[in-house]
N, C-alpha and C. Protein backbone atom coordinates (compact mmCIF):
# COMPACT_ATOMS: atom_id res chain seq x y z
N MET A 1 8.81 31.59 -291.05
CA MET A 1 8.78 30.62 -290.00
C MET A 1 7.37 30.03 -289.93
N ALA A 2 7.28 28.72 -289.92
CA ALA A 2 5.98 28.05 -289.88
C ALA A 2 5.41 28.12 -288.47
N GLU A 3 4.13 28.38 -288.40
CA GLU A 3 3.46 28.47 -287.11
C GLU A 3 3.14 27.06 -286.62
N ASP A 4 3.20 26.88 -285.29
CA ASP A 4 2.88 25.58 -284.72
C ASP A 4 1.43 25.24 -285.01
N PRO A 5 1.12 23.95 -285.16
CA PRO A 5 -0.27 23.58 -285.38
C PRO A 5 -1.09 23.88 -284.12
N LEU A 6 -2.36 24.03 -284.33
CA LEU A 6 -3.24 24.32 -283.20
C LEU A 6 -3.24 23.16 -282.21
N PRO A 7 -3.29 23.46 -280.91
CA PRO A 7 -3.34 22.37 -279.94
C PRO A 7 -4.67 21.61 -280.06
N ASP A 8 -4.61 20.35 -279.72
CA ASP A 8 -5.80 19.52 -279.82
C ASP A 8 -6.82 19.98 -278.77
N GLN A 9 -8.00 20.31 -279.23
CA GLN A 9 -9.05 20.79 -278.34
C GLN A 9 -10.24 19.85 -278.30
N THR A 10 -10.04 18.61 -278.67
CA THR A 10 -11.12 17.65 -278.66
C THR A 10 -11.62 17.39 -277.24
N GLY A 11 -10.69 17.29 -276.30
CA GLY A 11 -11.07 17.05 -274.91
C GLY A 11 -11.89 18.20 -274.34
N LEU A 12 -11.53 19.43 -274.72
CA LEU A 12 -12.28 20.60 -274.26
C LEU A 12 -13.70 20.57 -274.80
N LEU A 13 -13.86 20.23 -276.05
CA LEU A 13 -15.20 20.21 -276.65
C LEU A 13 -16.04 19.06 -276.10
N ILE A 14 -15.42 17.93 -275.82
CA ILE A 14 -16.16 16.81 -275.22
C ILE A 14 -16.60 17.17 -273.80
N ALA A 15 -15.70 17.80 -273.04
CA ALA A 15 -16.07 18.23 -271.69
C ALA A 15 -17.18 19.27 -271.74
N ALA A 16 -17.12 20.19 -272.71
CA ALA A 16 -18.16 21.20 -272.85
C ALA A 16 -19.51 20.56 -273.18
N ALA A 17 -19.50 19.54 -274.02
CA ALA A 17 -20.75 18.86 -274.37
C ALA A 17 -21.34 18.17 -273.14
N PHE A 18 -20.50 17.51 -272.34
CA PHE A 18 -21.00 16.87 -271.13
C PHE A 18 -21.53 17.90 -270.13
N LEU A 19 -20.81 19.00 -269.98
CA LEU A 19 -21.26 20.05 -269.06
C LEU A 19 -22.60 20.64 -269.51
N ALA A 20 -22.70 20.96 -270.79
CA ALA A 20 -23.94 21.56 -271.28
C ALA A 20 -25.11 20.58 -271.16
N PHE A 21 -24.89 19.34 -271.57
CA PHE A 21 -25.98 18.36 -271.50
C PHE A 21 -26.40 18.11 -270.05
N GLY A 22 -25.44 17.90 -269.17
CA GLY A 22 -25.77 17.65 -267.78
C GLY A 22 -26.42 18.84 -267.10
N GLY A 23 -25.92 20.03 -267.39
CA GLY A 23 -26.48 21.23 -266.77
C GLY A 23 -27.90 21.52 -267.23
N TRP A 24 -28.11 21.49 -268.53
CA TRP A 24 -29.46 21.80 -269.03
C TRP A 24 -30.45 20.71 -268.68
N THR A 25 -30.02 19.44 -268.71
CA THR A 25 -30.91 18.36 -268.30
C THR A 25 -31.27 18.50 -266.82
N GLY A 26 -30.28 18.81 -266.00
CA GLY A 26 -30.55 19.00 -264.58
C GLY A 26 -31.49 20.16 -264.32
N LEU A 27 -31.33 21.25 -265.08
CA LEU A 27 -32.24 22.39 -264.90
C LEU A 27 -33.66 22.05 -265.31
N ILE A 28 -33.81 21.30 -266.39
CA ILE A 28 -35.15 20.89 -266.82
C ILE A 28 -35.79 20.02 -265.76
N LEU A 29 -35.03 19.06 -265.23
CA LEU A 29 -35.57 18.20 -264.17
C LEU A 29 -35.87 18.99 -262.90
N LEU A 30 -35.02 19.93 -262.57
CA LEU A 30 -35.24 20.76 -261.38
C LEU A 30 -36.51 21.59 -261.53
N PHE A 31 -36.72 22.20 -262.68
CA PHE A 31 -37.90 23.02 -262.89
C PHE A 31 -39.18 22.20 -262.91
N SER A 32 -39.11 20.97 -263.39
CA SER A 32 -40.33 20.18 -263.53
C SER A 32 -40.66 19.35 -262.29
N MET A 33 -39.67 19.06 -261.42
CA MET A 33 -39.95 18.14 -260.32
C MET A 33 -39.72 18.69 -258.91
N ALA A 34 -38.94 19.74 -258.77
CA ALA A 34 -38.54 20.17 -257.43
C ALA A 34 -39.51 21.21 -256.87
N LEU A 35 -39.63 21.20 -255.56
CA LEU A 35 -40.39 22.23 -254.87
C LEU A 35 -39.48 23.43 -254.66
N PRO A 36 -40.03 24.64 -254.68
CA PRO A 36 -39.18 25.83 -254.54
C PRO A 36 -38.76 26.08 -253.09
N ASN A 37 -37.73 25.39 -252.66
CA ASN A 37 -37.20 25.61 -251.31
C ASN A 37 -35.73 26.02 -251.42
N LEU A 38 -35.08 26.14 -250.28
CA LEU A 38 -33.71 26.64 -250.28
C LEU A 38 -32.73 25.71 -251.00
N GLY A 39 -32.88 24.41 -250.80
CA GLY A 39 -31.99 23.46 -251.47
C GLY A 39 -32.13 23.51 -252.98
N ALA A 40 -33.37 23.64 -253.46
CA ALA A 40 -33.59 23.73 -254.90
C ALA A 40 -33.02 25.02 -255.47
N ARG A 41 -33.03 26.10 -254.68
CA ARG A 41 -32.46 27.36 -255.16
C ARG A 41 -30.95 27.24 -255.34
N TRP A 42 -30.26 26.63 -254.37
CA TRP A 42 -28.82 26.45 -254.50
C TRP A 42 -28.48 25.48 -255.63
N LEU A 43 -29.30 24.44 -255.77
CA LEU A 43 -29.08 23.51 -256.87
C LEU A 43 -29.27 24.21 -258.22
N PHE A 44 -30.21 25.15 -258.28
CA PHE A 44 -30.39 25.92 -259.51
C PHE A 44 -29.11 26.67 -259.87
N PHE A 45 -28.49 27.35 -258.89
CA PHE A 45 -27.30 28.11 -259.19
C PHE A 45 -26.14 27.20 -259.62
N VAL A 46 -26.01 26.06 -258.99
CA VAL A 46 -24.94 25.12 -259.38
C VAL A 46 -25.17 24.62 -260.81
N LEU A 47 -26.40 24.19 -261.10
CA LEU A 47 -26.70 23.69 -262.44
C LEU A 47 -26.63 24.81 -263.48
N TRP A 48 -26.97 26.02 -263.10
CA TRP A 48 -26.88 27.17 -264.00
C TRP A 48 -25.44 27.44 -264.40
N VAL A 49 -24.53 27.39 -263.44
CA VAL A 49 -23.11 27.59 -263.75
C VAL A 49 -22.61 26.48 -264.65
N ILE A 50 -22.98 25.24 -264.37
CA ILE A 50 -22.53 24.11 -265.19
C ILE A 50 -23.07 24.24 -266.62
N ALA A 51 -24.35 24.56 -266.75
CA ALA A 51 -24.96 24.66 -268.08
C ALA A 51 -24.38 25.83 -268.87
N LEU A 52 -24.19 26.97 -268.23
CA LEU A 52 -23.64 28.12 -268.95
C LEU A 52 -22.18 27.91 -269.33
N THR A 53 -21.42 27.23 -268.48
CA THR A 53 -20.02 26.95 -268.82
C THR A 53 -19.94 26.07 -270.06
N GLY A 54 -20.70 25.00 -270.07
CA GLY A 54 -20.68 24.11 -271.24
C GLY A 54 -21.18 24.78 -272.50
N THR A 55 -22.15 25.67 -272.35
CA THR A 55 -22.69 26.36 -273.52
C THR A 55 -21.75 27.45 -274.01
N ALA A 56 -21.00 28.08 -273.12
CA ALA A 56 -20.13 29.19 -273.50
C ALA A 56 -18.82 28.74 -274.12
N VAL A 57 -18.40 27.51 -273.89
CA VAL A 57 -17.10 27.06 -274.41
C VAL A 57 -16.98 27.19 -275.93
N PRO A 58 -17.96 26.73 -276.73
CA PRO A 58 -17.79 26.90 -278.18
C PRO A 58 -17.72 28.36 -278.62
N PHE A 59 -18.47 29.24 -277.97
CA PHE A 59 -18.43 30.65 -278.33
C PHE A 59 -17.10 31.28 -277.95
N VAL A 60 -16.60 30.94 -276.77
CA VAL A 60 -15.30 31.45 -276.33
C VAL A 60 -14.20 30.92 -277.24
N ARG A 61 -14.31 29.67 -277.63
CA ARG A 61 -13.32 29.07 -278.54
C ARG A 61 -13.32 29.79 -279.88
N TYR A 62 -14.51 30.07 -280.40
CA TYR A 62 -14.60 30.79 -281.68
C TYR A 62 -14.00 32.18 -281.56
N LEU A 63 -14.34 32.91 -280.51
CA LEU A 63 -13.82 34.27 -280.35
C LEU A 63 -12.30 34.26 -280.19
N ASN A 64 -11.77 33.28 -279.47
CA ASN A 64 -10.32 33.20 -279.32
C ASN A 64 -9.62 32.82 -280.62
N ARG A 65 -10.21 31.94 -281.39
CA ARG A 65 -9.60 31.59 -282.68
C ARG A 65 -9.69 32.75 -283.66
N ARG A 66 -10.73 33.57 -283.53
CA ARG A 66 -10.94 34.67 -284.47
C ARG A 66 -10.11 35.90 -284.12
N PHE A 67 -10.03 36.24 -282.83
CA PHE A 67 -9.44 37.52 -282.46
C PHE A 67 -8.14 37.43 -281.67
N ALA A 68 -7.76 36.28 -281.16
CA ALA A 68 -6.53 36.19 -280.38
C ALA A 68 -5.31 36.30 -281.30
N LYS A 69 -4.26 36.91 -280.78
CA LYS A 69 -3.05 37.09 -281.58
C LYS A 69 -2.25 35.81 -281.69
N GLY A 70 -2.30 34.97 -280.68
CA GLY A 70 -1.56 33.71 -280.70
C GLY A 70 -2.49 32.55 -280.35
N GLN A 71 -1.87 31.43 -280.12
CA GLN A 71 -2.65 30.26 -279.74
C GLN A 71 -3.06 30.38 -278.27
N VAL A 72 -4.28 30.00 -277.99
CA VAL A 72 -4.80 30.06 -276.63
C VAL A 72 -4.97 28.63 -276.14
N PRO A 73 -4.38 28.30 -274.99
CA PRO A 73 -4.54 26.94 -274.47
C PRO A 73 -5.99 26.64 -274.08
N PRO A 74 -6.37 25.38 -274.12
CA PRO A 74 -7.74 25.03 -273.75
C PRO A 74 -8.09 25.41 -272.31
N ALA A 75 -7.12 25.40 -271.40
CA ALA A 75 -7.41 25.77 -270.02
C ALA A 75 -7.83 27.23 -269.91
N VAL A 76 -7.26 28.09 -270.73
CA VAL A 76 -7.63 29.50 -270.72
C VAL A 76 -9.04 29.67 -271.27
N MET A 77 -9.37 28.92 -272.31
CA MET A 77 -10.72 28.99 -272.86
C MET A 77 -11.76 28.51 -271.86
N LEU A 78 -11.43 27.45 -271.12
CA LEU A 78 -12.35 26.96 -270.11
C LEU A 78 -12.51 27.98 -268.98
N ARG A 79 -11.42 28.64 -268.61
CA ARG A 79 -11.49 29.68 -267.58
C ARG A 79 -12.37 30.84 -268.03
N GLU A 80 -12.24 31.24 -269.28
CA GLU A 80 -13.06 32.34 -269.79
C GLU A 80 -14.53 31.94 -269.85
N ALA A 81 -14.81 30.70 -270.23
CA ALA A 81 -16.20 30.23 -270.23
C ALA A 81 -16.75 30.17 -268.81
N LEU A 82 -15.90 29.83 -267.85
CA LEU A 82 -16.33 29.83 -266.46
C LEU A 82 -16.62 31.24 -265.98
N PHE A 83 -15.85 32.22 -266.44
CA PHE A 83 -16.14 33.62 -266.09
C PHE A 83 -17.49 34.04 -266.66
N VAL A 84 -17.80 33.61 -267.88
CA VAL A 84 -19.11 33.92 -268.48
C VAL A 84 -20.23 33.32 -267.63
N SER A 85 -20.05 32.07 -267.20
CA SER A 85 -21.09 31.43 -266.41
C SER A 85 -21.20 32.03 -265.01
N LEU A 86 -20.08 32.42 -264.42
CA LEU A 86 -20.15 33.10 -263.12
C LEU A 86 -20.86 34.44 -263.25
N PHE A 87 -20.63 35.14 -264.34
CA PHE A 87 -21.34 36.39 -264.59
C PHE A 87 -22.84 36.14 -264.67
N GLY A 88 -23.24 35.09 -265.39
CA GLY A 88 -24.66 34.76 -265.49
C GLY A 88 -25.26 34.36 -264.15
N ALA A 89 -24.51 33.63 -263.35
CA ALA A 89 -25.02 33.20 -262.05
C ALA A 89 -25.14 34.38 -261.08
N VAL A 90 -24.17 35.28 -261.10
CA VAL A 90 -24.24 36.46 -260.24
C VAL A 90 -25.42 37.34 -260.65
N LEU A 91 -25.65 37.49 -261.95
CA LEU A 91 -26.79 38.28 -262.41
C LEU A 91 -28.11 37.63 -261.98
N ALA A 92 -28.20 36.32 -262.07
CA ALA A 92 -29.42 35.63 -261.63
C ALA A 92 -29.62 35.79 -260.12
N TRP A 93 -28.54 35.69 -259.36
CA TRP A 93 -28.64 35.84 -257.91
C TRP A 93 -29.07 37.26 -257.54
N LEU A 94 -28.51 38.26 -258.20
CA LEU A 94 -28.90 39.63 -257.93
C LEU A 94 -30.34 39.91 -258.36
N GLN A 95 -30.78 39.26 -259.42
CA GLN A 95 -32.16 39.44 -259.88
C GLN A 95 -33.15 38.83 -258.90
N VAL A 96 -32.79 37.72 -258.27
CA VAL A 96 -33.68 37.10 -257.29
C VAL A 96 -33.93 38.05 -256.13
N SER A 97 -32.89 38.75 -255.71
CA SER A 97 -33.05 39.68 -254.58
C SER A 97 -33.44 41.09 -255.05
N ARG A 98 -33.74 41.28 -256.32
CA ARG A 98 -34.19 42.54 -256.89
C ARG A 98 -33.18 43.68 -256.72
N VAL A 99 -31.90 43.36 -256.87
CA VAL A 99 -30.84 44.34 -256.72
C VAL A 99 -30.17 44.63 -258.06
N LEU A 100 -30.46 43.86 -259.07
CA LEU A 100 -29.77 43.98 -260.36
C LEU A 100 -30.19 45.24 -261.09
N THR A 101 -29.20 46.04 -261.47
CA THR A 101 -29.41 47.19 -262.33
C THR A 101 -28.35 47.15 -263.43
N ALA A 102 -28.53 47.96 -264.45
CA ALA A 102 -27.58 47.96 -265.56
C ALA A 102 -26.18 48.40 -265.11
N PRO A 103 -26.03 49.45 -264.29
CA PRO A 103 -24.67 49.81 -263.86
C PRO A 103 -23.99 48.72 -263.03
N VAL A 104 -24.76 48.02 -262.21
CA VAL A 104 -24.18 46.92 -261.43
C VAL A 104 -23.70 45.81 -262.36
N ALA A 105 -24.50 45.48 -263.36
CA ALA A 105 -24.11 44.44 -264.32
C ALA A 105 -22.86 44.85 -265.09
N LEU A 106 -22.79 46.11 -265.47
CA LEU A 106 -21.60 46.58 -266.20
C LEU A 106 -20.36 46.57 -265.32
N LEU A 107 -20.51 46.94 -264.05
CA LEU A 107 -19.37 46.90 -263.13
C LEU A 107 -18.88 45.47 -262.90
N ILE A 108 -19.80 44.54 -262.78
CA ILE A 108 -19.40 43.14 -262.59
C ILE A 108 -18.70 42.63 -263.85
N ALA A 109 -19.24 42.96 -265.02
CA ALA A 109 -18.61 42.54 -266.28
C ALA A 109 -17.22 43.14 -266.41
N ALA A 110 -17.08 44.42 -266.06
CA ALA A 110 -15.77 45.06 -266.14
C ALA A 110 -14.79 44.43 -265.17
N GLY A 111 -15.25 44.08 -263.98
CA GLY A 111 -14.38 43.42 -263.01
C GLY A 111 -13.91 42.06 -263.47
N LEU A 112 -14.82 41.27 -264.04
CA LEU A 112 -14.43 39.95 -264.55
C LEU A 112 -13.50 40.08 -265.76
N ALA A 113 -13.75 41.07 -266.62
CA ALA A 113 -12.87 41.28 -267.77
C ALA A 113 -11.48 41.71 -267.30
N ALA A 114 -11.43 42.57 -266.29
CA ALA A 114 -10.13 43.00 -265.76
C ALA A 114 -9.39 41.84 -265.12
N LEU A 115 -10.12 40.99 -264.39
CA LEU A 115 -9.49 39.83 -263.78
C LEU A 115 -8.93 38.89 -264.84
N ASP A 116 -9.70 38.66 -265.90
CA ASP A 116 -9.20 37.79 -266.97
C ASP A 116 -8.01 38.43 -267.67
N GLY A 117 -8.04 39.74 -267.87
CA GLY A 117 -6.90 40.41 -268.48
C GLY A 117 -5.64 40.29 -267.63
N LEU A 118 -5.79 40.43 -266.32
CA LEU A 118 -4.63 40.27 -265.44
C LEU A 118 -4.11 38.84 -265.44
N LEU A 119 -5.01 37.86 -265.47
CA LEU A 119 -4.57 36.46 -265.52
C LEU A 119 -3.86 36.16 -266.84
N ARG A 120 -4.36 36.72 -267.94
CA ARG A 120 -3.68 36.53 -269.23
C ARG A 120 -2.32 37.21 -269.25
N LEU A 121 -2.23 38.38 -268.63
CA LEU A 121 -0.95 39.07 -268.54
C LEU A 121 0.06 38.25 -267.73
N ARG A 122 -0.41 37.64 -266.66
CA ARG A 122 0.46 36.78 -265.86
C ARG A 122 0.91 35.56 -266.66
N ASP A 123 -0.01 34.96 -267.42
CA ASP A 123 0.36 33.80 -268.23
C ASP A 123 1.38 34.17 -269.29
N ARG A 124 1.24 35.35 -269.90
CA ARG A 124 2.19 35.78 -270.93
C ARG A 124 3.55 36.10 -270.36
N SER A 125 3.58 36.56 -269.11
CA SER A 125 4.86 37.00 -268.54
C SER A 125 5.71 35.85 -268.02
N ARG A 126 5.14 34.67 -267.93
CA ARG A 126 5.93 33.52 -267.49
C ARG A 126 6.93 33.15 -268.57
N TRP A 127 8.17 32.95 -268.15
CA TRP A 127 9.20 32.55 -269.09
C TRP A 127 9.40 31.05 -268.99
N ILE A 128 9.22 30.38 -270.09
CA ILE A 128 9.42 28.93 -270.16
C ILE A 128 10.57 28.68 -271.13
N PRO A 129 11.69 28.15 -270.64
CA PRO A 129 12.82 27.93 -271.55
C PRO A 129 12.51 26.86 -272.58
N GLU A 130 13.04 27.05 -273.77
CA GLU A 130 12.86 26.05 -274.82
C GLU A 130 13.81 24.90 -274.58
N GLU A 131 13.36 23.72 -274.89
CA GLU A 131 14.19 22.53 -274.67
C GLU A 131 14.88 22.12 -275.94
C-alpha cells in the first residue's frame, strides 16, 4: 500500500521564519533601546516566546520527520515548538527570581512532555470516518 504524500508544510516554515525574525529583531531592539522597567520585562518574555517558537519549528519538524511513526500535522509541530518556547520562558522567569534549579527544570520538562503526550494520545484516539 502506497503511503500518502507528506502534507504541505510551506506555510508552517514561512510562519516560523516570520516568528523567528520578528522575535529576535524585537529582542535586539529591546536590549539596545529599552530601559529596564516592568513593561520591558514583560515585553522580553513575549518576544522570547515568539523568537523561541520560530526557532524551534525547524528542529521540531526534523525530529518529527525522523522519529515519528506516521505523518504529523503542521499544527502539532507548531504546538510542540510552542511547548519548547514556553519551557524556555518559564526557565528565564524562574532564573530572574533566582528559583531555578536542575530538579525544577526537569520537573517542568517532564510536565510539558506528559502534556504533549496526552494531547497526542487524544489526537490519535479521535475517529474520523473515511469519505
